[in-house]
Structure formats: structure tokens, C-alpha cells
């Protein structure tokens, strides 16, 4: 299990909102802190790594939980120092 410093709940939001929310939230973090983005949008599996590649932040990992019929994704992003 990956440890995060801050959690961002984007449940119920769909592309591109989780990425937009992540972009705003990560600005509040210090370099090296890890943001956990919780989403039920499967698109986050492709969108978050792509966003990290574009912005230079580090994709630390992705977890997937089957919560009944609903899947929940947790993306972990480490803020870059740049």
C-alpha cells in the first residue's frame, strides 16, 4: 500500500475533471509530497500517467478496488521539485 500526504476525492467526476482537480491540488503541495487521487472514472488509468509525463510529476502507482459493482481507482502522484 502506497502512503500519501494528501487525498483528493474526485468520485463522480469524469474526464477531464479528475485531471483538472489534480492539477489545481498539486500546486498546494510541497515538492516530494504524494497526492492520492481517488476516482471512479476508468479513464484515469490512462489520463493520469499521461498527465504526469506532460507535467513532470512522478506517477508513483495505481491501485484498483472493486467496491461492490463500482470500481474505485487510486492514483498516487509525487510532486516534482521543478
Protein backbone atom coordinates (compact mmCIF):
# COMPACT_ATOMS: atom_id res chain seq x y z
CA UNK A 1 0.00 0.00 0.00
CA UNK A 2 1.34 3.39 -1.02
CA UNK A 3 1.39 6.16 1.57
CA UNK A 4 0.08 9.59 0.58
CA UNK A 5 0.36 13.00 2.21
CA UNK A 6 -2.87 14.41 0.79
CA UNK A 7 -6.05 12.80 -0.58
CA UNK A 8 -8.18 14.23 -3.39
CA UNK A 9 -11.68 12.79 -3.83
CA UNK A 10 -12.85 13.05 -7.45
CA UNK A 11 -15.59 10.39 -7.19
CA UNK A 12 -18.49 11.13 -9.51
CA UNK A 13 -16.38 13.32 -11.80
CA UNK A 14 -15.42 12.20 -15.28
CA UNK A 15 -12.69 13.13 -17.73
CA UNK A 16 -11.24 15.72 -17.76
CA UNK A 17 -12.35 16.86 -14.28
CA UNK A 18 -10.18 14.49 -12.16
CA UNK A 19 -7.08 15.73 -14.02
CA UNK A 20 -8.11 19.40 -13.73
CA UNK A 21 -8.74 18.92 -9.99
CA UNK A 22 -5.38 17.13 -9.62
CA UNK A 23 -3.62 19.97 -11.43
CA UNK A 24 -5.06 22.54 -9.01
CA UNK A 25 -4.47 20.46 -5.89
CA UNK A 26 -0.85 19.51 -6.62
CA UNK A 27 0.06 23.22 -6.63
CA UNK A 28 -0.75 23.30 -2.90
CA UNK A 29 1.73 20.50 -2.13
CA UNK A 30 5.44 20.73 -1.37
CA UNK A 31 7.97 19.04 -3.66
CA UNK A 32 8.23 15.34 -2.83
CA UNK A 33 4.76 15.08 -1.26
CA UNK A 34 2.43 12.40 -2.62
CA UNK A 35 -1.13 13.16 -3.72
CA UNK A 36 -3.65 10.30 -3.72
CA UNK A 37 -6.38 10.89 -6.31
CA UNK A 38 -9.49 8.76 -5.73
CA UNK A 39 -11.67 8.33 -8.82
CA UNK A 40 -14.39 6.07 -10.21
CA UNK A 41 -13.60 7.11 -13.79
CA UNK A 42 -11.71 4.30 -15.53
CA UNK A 43 -10.16 6.88 -17.85
CA UNK A 44 -7.84 7.88 -15.01
CA UNK A 45 -5.76 4.75 -15.71
CA UNK A 46 -4.58 6.31 -18.98
CA UNK A 47 -5.08 10.01 -18.22
CA UNK A 48 -3.04 10.25 -15.01
CA UNK A 49 0.20 8.67 -16.35
CA UNK A 50 -0.12 10.85 -19.49
CA UNK A 51 -0.65 13.98 -17.36
CA UNK A 52 2.37 13.09 -15.20
CA UNK A 53 4.51 12.66 -18.30
CA UNK A 54 3.46 16.09 -19.58
CA UNK A 55 3.89 17.93 -16.26
CA UNK A 56 6.99 16.17 -14.93
CA UNK A 57 5.33 14.89 -11.76
CA UNK A 58 6.04 11.27 -10.86
CA UNK A 59 3.37 8.59 -11.14
CA UNK A 60 4.14 6.51 -8.04
CA UNK A 61 1.43 3.93 -8.52
CA UNK A 62 -2.16 2.99 -9.24
CA UNK A 63 -4.45 0.85 -7.09
CA UNK A 64 -7.80 -0.55 -8.11
CA UNK A 65 -10.53 -1.59 -5.67
CA UNK A 66 -13.71 -3.38 -6.61
CA UNK A 67 -16.21 -1.81 -4.24
CA UNK A 68 -19.28 -3.92 -4.98
CA UNK A 69 -20.28 -3.23 -8.58
CA UNK A 70 -18.31 0.00 -8.60
CA UNK A 71 -14.59 0.18 -9.30
CA UNK A 72 -12.53 2.77 -7.46
CA UNK A 73 -9.10 3.83 -8.70
CA UNK A 74 -6.41 5.43 -6.58
CA UNK A 75 -3.64 7.22 -8.44
CA UNK A 76 -0.56 8.29 -6.49
CA UNK A 77 1.38 11.27 -7.81
CA UNK A 78 4.58 12.65 -6.31
CA UNK A 79 5.06 16.38 -6.83
CA UNK A 80 8.24 17.19 -8.73
CA UNK A 81 10.71 19.75 -7.48
CA UNK A 82 10.69 21.55 -10.81
